Amino acid sequence: MRRIHCHLATSLAIVTCLLGLKATPAAGESPWETIKPYFSVPAEYAGEFGDYRSPLIFSDGSKVENAEDWQRRRTEILQTWTEHLGDWPPFLDAPHYEILESKSFASHDQHKIEFEWLPGVTTTAYLLVPKTPGPHPAVVTVYYEPETAIGLGKEDRDFAVQLVKRGFVTLSLGTARTTNNKTYSLYYPSIEKAEIEPLSTLAYAAANAWYLLASRDDVDSERIGIVGHSYGGKWAMFASCLFDRFACAAWSDPGIVFDESRNSINYWEPWYLGYHPKPWRKRGLITPENPAHGTYLELVAEGRDLHELHALMAPRPFLVSGGAEDPAKRWVPLNHSIQVNELLDATDRVAMSNRPDHSPNPESNEVIYSFFEHFLSPQKVAK
C-alpha cells in the first residue's frame, strides 16, 4: 500500500508550496527529486474521501476487488460518461498537415501548420521540433489560442516553447476563432445542433492531434502527453481521461471537480457540459433566474463528479498544478484515484502542487516540466 505520510523534508516542501513561496529546484536536482514531494497527501487529507462515490463500486453496488474487476468497472465508467457526453466520430488517424510558415530558432524549428482536427474542419496550430536527433517524446498544449503556448501571450503560459527547449516535440492548439466570437469551444456537427458536449468535442480534437504527432518518425508514440491551463486545463483533463493513448497529463488549475460556488469552475456553461441551443443562458453562476441546462444537470442529478474521469487515468500518471480553483482540499477527490492505483499496485501516479493564485508561475511550471521530463524522459532517447 502507498504510504501517504511524508518525512520531514517532504512536509516542508509541501508547506512551502501551499504558502505560495518560491521553491526553485536545487542545482543538479533530478526531475524526480523536483516532483517527488507532490505525490504525498498532506496529513490533513490523508484517507479522506468525502461524499464522492467511490469509482471502485460498480453501478449494481458490488465492489471492485482486483485488477480484472477494475477493467470491467473502467469500461462501465467510460460507457456511462459517453452516454451522457455523446459518441465521438471515428478518429482521424491518417493525418495530413500543411506547413504555412516556418521559423528557425537556436534550439528548435517552429512550423505554423494547418490540419484537420474535426471531420471536415481544419485548424491552425504550431508544431515545434527540437534540433536534436529523435525519436522524441511529445506534448500537446491546449489553450484559448495556439500563440500563447509558443510565447506570444500572457507570461508563464508558454508551455510549448519551454518544453521544446527540453527536448520535446510540441504541438500547440487553441480555439482562436471561437474564442474571438465568444462561443469558446468546438461543436459537432454544428453549433446549432451539437451531438456531443463541447468539452468532449475538444477532447476528441486533442485525440486527433495525438495521431498527428504519433505519425511522425521523430516522435515516440508511446510517450505523448498533454498539458493546459484553466480553460486549457479542462480541455487537457477531458482529453487525457477519455483518450487513453496520452501517456500522462498535467492540468493547471481547471477546477478538477464540480463546484457551483466558483465562477471559474463553470462546467455548466453551454461551451463545456451544459450545451443547449441558442439563445444561451447568461454567463455566470447558476441562479433560479439564470439556470443551467442539459447534460451538466443530468450528471449532477445522478451524483456524478469528475473524480470518476480522473480514475480512468490509472495507472497513467497525472499532475494537478493547483491554484485558486484547485487548493489542497482537492486531495479529497484525488484520494479516489490513488485508491484505484493502489489496487493496480501502481505508486506515485497522482500528484498535486499548489499556489495561491490562478495564474501559473515559474515555480509551478518547473514542476510541470519536471513531471514530463521524469515520465517521458527525453534525455534517455537522444542518439
Foldseek 3Di string as FASTA:
>chain_A
DDDQDDDPVLVVVQVCLQAQHFDDDDPPDALCNLFVSQQHAPPVQPPFQPPADFLQAAPVGHGNDFPVSNVVSLVVLLVVVCVLFDDADDAPQPWDKDFPDWDDDPFWIKTWIWIDLHVVDIDTKIKIAGPFAALFFAEEEEDQAQPVLCPPDDPPNVVCVVLSSVGHTYIGGHNPVCVVVVLRFDAPPDLQDGRGQGLLSLLSSVVNVLSVQVVDPSYDQQRYAYEYAASRLSSRLSNCLNPVSHQEYERQANQQKDDLVDLSVCCLFCNHSQNDGDPGFDRTGADPVGHGHGSVVVCVVVSHMNLSSVLSNPPRAYEYAHECNDRSNVVNSVVSSVVSNVSVVHGDRYGYGYRHHSDDDPRSVSSVSSVSCVSNVRVVTGD
